[in-house]
Amino acid sequence: MIVNPLVGKGLAAARAPKARVNVYEGSVRSSKTIGSLIEWIRFIRQGPDGNLLMTGRTQRTIINNLVLPMQEMLGTQRCKINYGLGTVDILGRTILLIGADNEAARTKIQGLTLAGAYVDEASTLPESYWNMLVSRLSVRGACLWATCNPEGPRHWFKLKWLDKAAYWITHDGSIRDRRGDLTLPEGDDKRPIDLHRVSFILDDNPNLDADYVASVKSMYTGLWYRRMILGEWALADGAVYDMFDPARHVVDELPEMRTIVALGVDHGIQNPTRGVLIGIGTDGCLYVVAEWNPPKCTDAERSQLLRAWLDQQGWPERIFVDPAAKGFRNQLRVDGFTSVFAANNRVVPGITLVSSLLDADRLKIHRSCTALIDEIPGYVWDTKKAEEKGEDAVIKLDDHSVDSLRYAIVTSQTLWRPYVSIPTPTVDPEEVAA
């Protein structure tokens, strides 16, 4: 990997004083990860002796997002992944790799004594895990680096940590230095914490080609543009798919399909079961070609109904079922269905992907799919939860078809991306359950 010299805000961040906790947050593709990794490599070389840790949502995303880029920068001899051991050797130091995708993850680091840590996607980790991690930095001179994209303005990471930074390089490049207030008494509301924050926007990275910047900006719209391009901690409110317009997105005729790529199924017992079948058009768009609305019945009966429906509509390359519906997936396999998998259920990244496709007119819905068309306008953010808890969440009401759509599109993205003619944000790969 050729790493261009740091300039602009990236250079300012590198030259800035370091704290116990150092957070690079803001836009995608703004150089915050590369800049922070350079600082992390320097710390690995020069920091105190003791245990080092790299952490994120899963061990797989840590390797993909952090270790592989470091391997390109340093070479495989100086950055060696120890698959199966959960460690990586960097510059002669063995570093733990720990995934933290649920509240129980804090037990993985309980009792550790750390000299340093690097955190990927800090705002997506459980608060209890983050708090435990910071408390483990007990070696003299220990430091932590973290990166994240913005979420809601009431998110715990922003309110309890970022907003209390002692030193902040803001979005516009100005500096807010409150280090002098670190001497204020414990409990004083004006006392900051030993955290330095750097806020990035996309335009902070001058090494990007202008056409590439334009293409990245085209990936996002509305809420996602404010967060992922402007680096704002913006509130999710109103309609989730506010760009949806039946005049633009609902079609009476379908073009020729390259393939029927996926069926997404939201399984219900008390609630309805819904399925959405998507195909790749020869015009470079994704199409919802049909929807499956079976009556309430047993899983065995649903399986037979689905077979009959697919015999009529056309069989997809993959079937992605609600990850909670293990029983129905097993029933399908018993009945001879192949290529049945648990769907990727990362809700907010999935919504981002679907939003981008709708905004770019690369996702169309056949008019016969009335349940899906009726659900989309009423699919709204839970503003109360966002304001009270800082969490992005949707109101769980009449959402079975839109969930099916998200399952189908997100989990099949490696199959349709080569044929869709615009760049779209990638949902981090995750293990697909059997």
Protein backbone atom coordinates (compact mmCIF):
# COMPACT_ATOMS: atom_id res chain seq x y z
CA MET A 1 0.00 0.00 0.00
CA ILE A 2 1.24 3.49 -0.90
CA VAL A 3 0.32 5.85 1.93
CA ASN A 4 0.30 9.47 0.85
CA PRO A 5 1.84 11.97 3.27
CA LEU A 6 -0.69 13.25 5.79
CA VAL A 7 -1.97 16.74 5.00
CA GLY A 8 -4.70 19.04 6.27
CA LYS A 9 -6.69 17.71 9.19
CA GLY A 10 -4.94 14.35 9.09
CA LEU A 11 -1.60 16.09 9.60
CA ALA A 12 -3.10 18.32 12.31
CA ALA A 13 -4.36 15.22 14.10
CA ALA A 14 -0.92 13.60 13.93
CA ARG A 15 0.74 16.72 15.33
CA ALA A 16 -1.86 17.24 18.04
CA PRO A 17 -1.03 16.31 21.65
CA LYS A 18 -2.03 12.80 22.65
CA ALA A 19 -4.34 11.85 25.49
CA ARG A 20 -5.22 8.67 27.31
CA VAL A 21 -8.13 8.31 24.84
CA ASN A 22 -7.87 9.59 21.24
CA VAL A 23 -10.91 9.45 18.97
CA TYR A 24 -11.02 10.09 15.21
CA GLU A 25 -14.69 10.41 14.22
CA GLY A 26 -16.72 11.62 11.28
CA SER A 27 -17.17 11.01 7.58
CA VAL A 28 -16.38 7.88 5.64
CA ARG A 29 -13.26 7.92 3.42
CA SER A 30 -11.90 10.97 5.23
CA SER A 31 -8.53 9.39 6.15
CA LYS A 32 -9.40 8.95 9.84
CA THR A 33 -8.66 5.21 9.83
CA ILE A 34 -5.30 5.47 8.05
CA GLY A 35 -4.28 8.44 10.19
CA SER A 36 -5.18 6.67 13.41
CA LEU A 37 -3.47 3.44 12.31
CA ILE A 38 -0.26 5.37 11.68
CA GLU A 39 -0.50 6.69 15.23
CA TRP A 40 -1.23 3.19 16.52
CA ILE A 41 1.82 1.77 14.72
CA ARG A 42 3.95 4.50 16.29
CA PHE A 43 2.55 3.57 19.71
CA ILE A 44 3.26 -0.13 19.15
CA ARG A 45 6.88 0.82 18.50
CA GLN A 46 7.32 3.35 21.28
CA GLY A 47 4.62 2.66 23.86
CA PRO A 48 5.10 0.98 27.23
CA ASP A 49 5.51 -2.75 27.64
CA GLY A 50 2.40 -4.77 28.34
CA ASN A 51 -0.65 -6.27 26.68
CA LEU A 52 -2.05 -4.59 23.54
CA LEU A 53 -5.55 -5.08 22.17
CA MET A 54 -7.40 -4.38 18.91
CA THR A 55 -11.15 -4.62 19.09
CA GLY A 56 -14.35 -4.03 17.11
CA ARG A 57 -17.73 -5.62 16.42
CA THR A 58 -16.28 -8.97 15.32
CA GLN A 59 -12.84 -10.46 14.92
CA ARG A 60 -13.53 -10.68 11.20
CA THR A 61 -14.23 -6.95 10.85
CA ILE A 62 -11.12 -6.13 12.90
CA ILE A 63 -9.01 -8.10 10.44
CA ASN A 64 -10.74 -6.66 7.37
CA ASN A 65 -10.88 -3.05 8.51
CA LEU A 66 -7.61 -2.76 10.42
CA VAL A 67 -5.17 -5.63 10.24
CA LEU A 68 -5.18 -6.16 6.47
CA PRO A 69 -4.50 -2.45 5.78
CA MET A 70 -1.69 -2.57 8.37
CA GLN A 71 -0.33 -5.67 6.65
CA GLU A 72 -0.23 -3.78 3.36
CA MET A 73 1.58 -0.90 5.06
CA LEU A 74 4.12 -3.01 6.97
CA GLY A 75 4.37 -6.24 5.00
CA THR A 76 3.41 -9.75 6.03
CA GLN A 77 6.67 -10.34 7.92
CA ARG A 78 6.11 -7.41 10.27
CA CYS A 79 2.33 -7.90 10.51
CA LYS A 80 1.43 -11.58 10.79
CA ILE A 81 -2.11 -12.77 11.53
CA ASN A 82 -2.29 -15.82 13.77
CA TYR A 83 -5.55 -17.31 12.53
CA GLY A 84 -7.18 -19.51 15.15
CA LEU A 85 -5.28 -17.92 18.01
CA GLY A 86 -7.09 -14.58 17.98
CA THR A 87 -3.87 -12.58 17.81
CA VAL A 88 -1.70 -10.65 15.36
CA ASP A 89 2.06 -10.07 15.62
CA ILE A 90 2.95 -6.47 14.69
CA LEU A 91 6.52 -5.22 14.84
CA GLY A 92 7.44 -8.01 17.21
CA ARG A 93 4.54 -7.47 19.64
CA THR A 94 1.64 -9.89 20.00
CA ILE A 95 -1.72 -8.09 20.00
CA LEU A 96 -5.06 -9.57 21.07
CA LEU A 97 -8.01 -9.42 18.65
CA ILE A 98 -11.37 -9.39 20.42
CA GLY A 99 -14.85 -9.02 18.95
CA ALA A 100 -17.50 -7.21 21.00
CA ASP A 101 -20.94 -7.48 19.43
CA ASN A 102 -23.05 -7.87 22.59
CA GLU A 103 -23.20 -6.91 26.26
CA ALA A 104 -21.55 -10.16 27.38
CA ALA A 105 -18.38 -9.15 25.52
CA ARG A 106 -17.10 -7.26 28.55
CA THR A 107 -16.35 -10.61 30.21
CA LYS A 108 -13.72 -11.23 27.50
CA ILE A 109 -11.54 -8.41 28.84
CA GLN A 110 -12.36 -8.55 32.54
CA GLY A 111 -9.13 -8.92 34.47
CA LEU A 112 -6.87 -7.81 31.61
CA THR A 113 -4.18 -5.22 32.23
CA LEU A 114 -3.57 -3.21 29.06
CA ALA A 115 -0.81 -0.92 27.89
CA GLY A 116 -2.74 0.16 24.80
CA ALA A 117 -5.80 -0.49 22.65
CA TYR A 118 -7.29 0.34 19.25
CA VAL A 119 -11.07 0.36 18.76
CA ASP A 120 -12.85 0.11 15.41
CA GLU A 121 -16.43 1.45 15.11
CA ALA A 122 -16.49 2.51 18.75
CA SER A 123 -20.05 3.86 18.66
CA THR A 124 -21.42 0.45 17.61
CA LEU A 125 -19.98 -1.36 20.63
CA PRO A 126 -21.89 -1.95 23.88
CA GLU A 127 -21.39 0.86 26.39
CA SER A 128 -20.54 -1.63 29.13
CA TYR A 129 -17.74 -3.07 27.00
CA TRP A 130 -16.27 0.36 26.24
CA ASN A 131 -16.32 1.33 29.92
CA MET A 132 -14.63 -1.93 30.88
CA LEU A 133 -12.01 -1.45 28.16
CA VAL A 134 -11.05 2.05 29.30
CA SER A 135 -10.76 0.81 32.89
CA ARG A 136 -8.27 -1.86 31.77
CA LEU A 137 -5.74 0.77 30.59
CA SER A 138 -3.85 0.70 33.86
CA VAL A 139 -0.24 0.50 32.66
CA ARG A 140 1.60 3.80 33.12
CA GLY A 141 1.53 5.64 29.76
CA ALA A 142 -1.32 3.50 28.36
CA CYS A 143 -3.28 5.02 25.46
CA LEU A 144 -6.28 4.14 23.36
CA TRP A 145 -7.15 5.08 19.78
CA ALA A 146 -10.69 4.76 18.42
CA THR A 147 -12.54 5.53 15.21
CA CYS A 148 -16.26 5.81 14.55
CA ASN A 149 -18.89 7.22 12.23
CA PRO A 150 -21.54 9.51 13.73
CA GLU A 151 -24.87 8.24 15.02
CA GLY A 152 -27.68 10.09 16.82
CA PRO A 153 -27.02 13.25 18.89
CA ARG A 154 -28.10 11.52 22.13
CA HIS A 155 -25.82 8.52 21.65
CA TRP A 156 -23.96 7.58 24.83
CA PHE A 157 -20.57 7.78 23.14
CA LYS A 158 -21.13 11.37 22.11
CA LEU A 159 -22.74 12.61 25.34
CA LYS A 160 -20.53 10.83 27.88
CA TRP A 161 -17.23 10.90 26.03
CA LEU A 162 -16.85 13.02 22.88
CA ASP A 163 -18.68 16.06 24.24
CA LYS A 164 -16.36 16.03 27.27
CA ALA A 165 -13.13 16.04 25.26
CA ALA A 166 -10.30 18.10 26.70
CA TYR A 167 -8.99 18.87 23.21
CA TRP A 168 -11.06 18.95 20.01
CA ILE A 169 -10.14 19.62 16.39
CA THR A 170 -13.64 20.44 15.11
CA HIS A 171 -15.30 19.79 11.75
CA ASP A 172 -14.24 23.22 10.45
CA GLY A 173 -10.66 22.75 11.67
CA SER A 174 -10.80 25.10 14.64
CA ILE A 175 -9.42 23.92 17.98
CA ARG A 176 -11.23 23.86 21.31
CA ASP A 177 -8.64 23.38 24.03
CA ARG A 178 -9.99 22.70 27.54
CA ARG A 179 -6.96 20.91 28.93
CA GLY A 180 -6.57 23.61 31.54
CA ASP A 181 -9.87 22.49 33.07
CA LEU A 182 -8.54 18.99 33.80
CA THR A 183 -7.47 20.35 37.18
CA LEU A 184 -11.03 21.18 38.20
CA PRO A 185 -12.39 19.09 41.09
CA GLU A 186 -14.01 15.70 40.48
CA GLY A 187 -17.74 16.12 39.93
CA ASP A 188 -17.47 19.61 38.44
CA ASP A 189 -19.66 19.69 35.31
CA LYS A 190 -17.06 21.82 33.52
CA ARG A 191 -14.27 19.32 34.03
CA PRO A 192 -13.41 17.51 30.77
CA ILE A 193 -11.98 14.01 30.48
CA ASP A 194 -8.55 13.10 29.18
CA LEU A 195 -9.82 12.54 25.65
CA HIS A 196 -8.73 14.20 22.42
CA ARG A 197 -11.22 14.29 19.58
CA VAL A 198 -10.73 14.92 15.86
CA SER A 199 -13.88 15.41 13.73
CA PHE A 200 -13.52 14.66 10.01
CA ILE A 201 -15.63 15.50 6.98
CA LEU A 202 -15.17 13.88 3.57
CA ASP A 203 -13.55 16.97 2.08
CA ASP A 204 -10.77 16.74 4.69
CA ASN A 205 -9.07 14.12 2.51
CA PRO A 206 -7.39 15.99 -0.37
CA ASN A 207 -5.79 12.80 -1.70
CA LEU A 208 -9.10 11.60 -3.15
CA ASP A 209 -9.87 12.08 -6.83
CA ALA A 210 -12.68 14.56 -7.47
CA ASP A 211 -14.72 12.01 -9.41
CA TYR A 212 -14.33 9.52 -6.59
CA VAL A 213 -15.50 12.10 -4.04
CA ALA A 214 -18.56 12.79 -6.18
CA SER A 215 -19.30 9.06 -6.40
CA VAL A 216 -18.96 8.61 -2.63
CA LYS A 217 -21.30 11.55 -2.02
CA SER A 218 -23.82 9.95 -4.38
CA MET A 219 -23.96 6.87 -2.13
CA TYR A 220 -25.79 8.75 0.62
CA THR A 221 -28.87 10.87 1.01
CA GLY A 222 -30.70 12.78 3.76
CA LEU A 223 -29.76 11.54 7.22
CA TRP A 224 -26.94 9.38 5.88
CA TYR A 225 -25.43 12.28 3.93
CA ARG A 226 -25.32 14.40 7.08
CA ARG A 227 -23.65 11.62 9.05
CA MET A 228 -21.39 9.90 6.54
CA ILE A 229 -20.33 12.90 4.45
CA LEU A 230 -20.68 15.93 6.73
CA GLY A 231 -19.76 14.02 9.89
CA GLU A 232 -22.77 15.27 11.88
CA TRP A 233 -24.34 13.41 14.81
CA ALA A 234 -27.82 13.84 13.30
CA LEU A 235 -31.17 12.67 14.67
CA ALA A 236 -33.04 9.94 12.78
CA ASP A 237 -36.66 11.08 12.53
CA GLY A 238 -39.57 10.92 10.12
CA ALA A 239 -39.95 8.37 7.33
CA VAL A 240 -37.06 5.91 6.99
CA TYR A 241 -37.30 5.87 3.20
CA ASP A 242 -38.26 9.51 2.74
CA MET A 243 -36.94 9.43 -0.83
CA PHE A 244 -39.51 6.82 -1.88
CA ASP A 245 -41.83 8.09 -4.62
CA PRO A 246 -44.26 5.69 -6.33
CA ALA A 247 -43.94 7.70 -9.54
CA ARG A 248 -40.18 6.98 -9.57
CA HIS A 249 -39.93 3.60 -7.93
CA VAL A 250 -43.07 1.63 -8.83
CA VAL A 251 -43.21 0.10 -12.32
CA ASP A 252 -45.93 -1.61 -14.33
CA GLU A 253 -43.58 -3.62 -16.53
CA LEU A 254 -40.39 -5.48 -15.68
CA PRO A 255 -37.38 -5.53 -17.97
CA GLU A 256 -35.54 -8.71 -18.83
CA MET A 257 -33.86 -10.14 -15.73
CA ARG A 258 -30.24 -11.29 -15.69
CA THR A 259 -31.15 -13.50 -12.76
CA ILE A 260 -33.57 -13.82 -9.89
CA VAL A 261 -30.96 -13.19 -7.24
CA ALA A 262 -32.61 -13.59 -3.85
CA LEU A 263 -35.70 -14.14 -1.78
CA GLY A 264 -35.86 -12.42 1.60
CA VAL A 265 -38.31 -13.87 4.14
CA ASP A 266 -39.51 -12.28 7.37
CA HIS A 267 -40.95 -15.20 9.32
CA GLY A 268 -43.89 -14.77 11.66
CA ILE A 269 -45.88 -16.99 13.97
CA GLN A 270 -48.35 -14.54 15.51
CA ASN A 271 -47.38 -11.90 12.95
CA PRO A 272 -47.61 -12.37 9.17
CA THR A 273 -44.89 -14.08 7.16
CA ARG A 274 -43.76 -12.06 4.15
CA GLY A 275 -41.33 -12.70 1.33
CA VAL A 276 -39.78 -10.39 -1.26
CA LEU A 277 -38.21 -11.71 -4.48
CA ILE A 278 -35.60 -9.52 -6.17
CA GLY A 279 -33.97 -9.75 -9.58
CA ILE A 280 -31.16 -7.99 -11.41
CA GLY A 281 -32.46 -6.19 -14.51
CA THR A 282 -30.43 -5.92 -17.68
CA ASP A 283 -30.76 -2.13 -17.24
CA GLY A 284 -28.48 -2.12 -14.17
CA CYS A 285 -31.26 -1.87 -11.57
CA LEU A 286 -32.55 -4.16 -8.86
CA TYR A 287 -36.24 -5.07 -9.08
CA VAL A 288 -38.71 -6.42 -6.58
CA VAL A 289 -40.41 -8.77 -8.99
CA ALA A 290 -42.94 -10.41 -6.68
CA GLU A 291 -43.99 -10.77 -3.04
CA TRP A 292 -45.06 -13.82 -1.08
CA ASN A 293 -47.91 -13.41 1.41
CA PRO A 294 -48.82 -16.84 2.83
CA PRO A 295 -51.64 -17.32 5.34
CA LYS A 296 -50.99 -18.29 8.95
CA CYS A 297 -50.06 -21.97 9.03
CA THR A 298 -47.38 -24.39 10.23
CA ASP A 299 -43.79 -24.23 9.00
CA ALA A 300 -44.31 -27.46 7.07
CA GLU A 301 -47.32 -25.95 5.30
CA ARG A 302 -45.41 -22.73 4.63
CA SER A 303 -42.61 -24.72 3.05
CA GLN A 304 -44.99 -26.41 0.62
CA LEU A 305 -46.68 -23.10 -0.20
CA LEU A 306 -43.30 -21.49 -0.86
CA ARG A 307 -42.26 -24.29 -3.22
CA ALA A 308 -45.44 -23.92 -5.23
CA TRP A 309 -45.02 -20.12 -5.34
CA LEU A 310 -41.40 -20.30 -6.50
CA ASP A 311 -42.28 -22.88 -9.15
CA GLN A 312 -44.59 -20.21 -10.55
CA GLN A 313 -42.42 -17.10 -10.01
CA GLY A 314 -38.96 -18.49 -10.64
CA TRP A 315 -36.34 -19.78 -8.20
CA PRO A 316 -33.72 -17.41 -6.78
CA GLU A 317 -30.02 -18.08 -6.38
CA ARG A 318 -30.29 -17.64 -2.61
CA ILE A 319 -33.01 -17.68 0.04
CA PHE A 320 -32.36 -15.49 3.10
CA VAL A 321 -34.63 -16.01 6.08
CA ASP A 322 -35.11 -13.99 9.27
CA PRO A 323 -32.11 -15.02 11.42
CA ALA A 324 -34.43 -15.73 14.35
CA ALA A 325 -36.37 -18.33 12.32
CA LYS A 326 -33.99 -21.28 12.61
CA GLY A 327 -36.89 -23.73 12.72
CA PHE A 328 -38.28 -22.54 9.39
CA ARG A 329 -34.83 -22.64 7.76
CA ASN A 330 -34.42 -26.22 8.95
CA GLN A 331 -37.87 -27.10 7.64
CA LEU A 332 -36.95 -25.75 4.21
CA ARG A 333 -33.78 -27.84 4.14
CA VAL A 334 -35.65 -30.97 5.22
CA ASP A 335 -38.03 -30.35 2.32
CA GLY A 336 -35.18 -30.18 -0.18
CA PHE A 337 -34.58 -26.43 -0.49
CA THR A 338 -30.95 -25.52 -1.16
CA SER A 339 -28.99 -22.28 -0.66
CA VAL A 340 -31.02 -21.32 2.43
CA PHE A 341 -29.24 -18.98 4.83
CA ALA A 342 -29.90 -16.72 7.81
CA ALA A 343 -30.23 -13.13 6.65
CA ASN A 344 -27.89 -10.33 7.67
CA ASN A 345 -29.95 -8.35 10.19
CA ARG A 346 -27.83 -5.26 10.81
CA VAL A 347 -30.80 -2.90 10.62
CA VAL A 348 -29.28 0.57 10.27
CA PRO A 349 -26.51 -0.35 7.78
CA GLY A 350 -29.13 -2.28 5.81
CA ILE A 351 -31.45 0.72 5.73
CA THR A 352 -28.54 2.86 4.54
CA LEU A 353 -27.93 0.50 1.63
CA VAL A 354 -31.60 0.34 0.60
CA SER A 355 -31.91 4.14 0.91
CA SER A 356 -28.95 4.69 -1.39
CA LEU A 357 -30.41 2.41 -4.04
CA LEU A 358 -33.79 4.13 -3.90
CA ASP A 359 -32.24 7.60 -4.00
CA ALA A 360 -30.20 6.69 -7.08
CA ASP A 361 -33.21 5.10 -8.83
CA ARG A 362 -31.48 1.74 -8.84
CA LEU A 363 -34.22 -0.08 -6.95
CA LYS A 364 -37.69 -0.50 -8.49
CA ILE A 365 -40.79 -2.33 -7.29
CA HIS A 366 -43.38 -4.03 -9.48
CA ARG A 367 -46.87 -2.67 -8.90
CA SER A 368 -48.20 -6.10 -7.92
CA CYS A 369 -46.19 -5.93 -4.67
CA THR A 370 -48.90 -4.02 -2.84
CA ALA A 371 -47.96 -5.04 0.72
CA LEU A 372 -44.43 -3.69 0.32
CA ILE A 373 -45.58 -0.52 -1.45
CA ASP A 374 -48.13 0.13 1.31
CA GLU A 375 -45.58 -0.43 4.11
CA ILE A 376 -42.79 1.84 2.90
CA PRO A 377 -44.43 5.25 3.60
CA GLY A 378 -45.37 4.19 7.15
CA TYR A 379 -41.94 2.80 8.01
CA VAL A 380 -40.70 5.48 10.40
CA TRP A 381 -37.94 6.14 12.90
CA ASP A 382 -38.64 5.83 16.61
CA THR A 383 -37.85 9.44 17.53
CA LYS A 384 -38.68 8.89 21.21
CA LYS A 385 -36.06 6.17 21.55
CA ALA A 386 -33.54 8.27 19.62
CA GLU A 387 -34.05 11.26 21.93
CA GLU A 388 -34.16 9.27 25.17
CA LYS A 389 -31.51 6.61 24.54
CA GLY A 390 -29.56 7.87 21.54
CA GLU A 391 -30.36 4.70 19.61
CA ASP A 392 -31.34 4.52 15.96
CA ALA A 393 -34.44 2.34 15.88
CA VAL A 394 -37.55 1.98 13.77
CA ILE A 395 -41.09 1.61 15.07
CA LYS A 396 -41.87 -2.10 14.86
CA LEU A 397 -45.29 -1.91 13.23
CA ASP A 398 -46.31 -3.22 9.80
CA ASP A 399 -42.68 -3.79 8.83
CA HIS A 400 -42.67 -7.41 7.62
CA SER A 401 -42.30 -6.67 3.92
CA VAL A 402 -39.71 -3.92 4.38
CA ASP A 403 -37.69 -6.27 6.59
CA SER A 404 -37.87 -8.91 3.86
CA LEU A 405 -36.64 -6.36 1.34
CA ARG A 406 -33.68 -5.45 3.52
CA TYR A 407 -32.81 -9.12 4.10
CA ALA A 408 -32.82 -9.85 0.38
CA ILE A 409 -30.81 -6.82 -0.72
CA VAL A 410 -28.21 -6.71 2.04
CA THR A 411 -27.41 -10.40 2.24
CA SER A 412 -27.15 -10.87 -1.54
CA GLN A 413 -25.01 -7.79 -2.18
CA THR A 414 -21.96 -9.72 -3.37
CA LEU A 415 -24.14 -11.23 -6.11
CA TRP A 416 -25.75 -8.05 -7.46
CA ARG A 417 -23.00 -5.46 -7.01
CA PRO A 418 -21.15 -6.34 -10.25
CA TYR A 419 -24.27 -5.45 -12.24
CA VAL A 420 -25.58 -2.34 -10.48
CA SER A 421 -24.16 0.73 -12.17
CA ILE A 422 -23.53 3.03 -9.19
CA PRO A 423 -21.42 2.69 -6.07
CA THR A 424 -23.36 1.95 -2.90
CA PRO A 425 -22.22 1.73 0.72
CA THR A 426 -21.14 -1.76 1.72
CA VAL A 427 -22.60 -3.39 4.80
CA ASP A 428 -19.77 -4.98 6.76
CA PRO A 429 -19.54 -8.72 6.00
CA GLU A 430 -20.71 -11.00 8.78
CA GLU A 431 -20.90 -14.71 9.25
CA VAL A 432 -24.14 -16.07 7.74
CA ALA A 433 -25.66 -18.64 10.06
CA ALA A 434 -26.48 -22.12 8.85
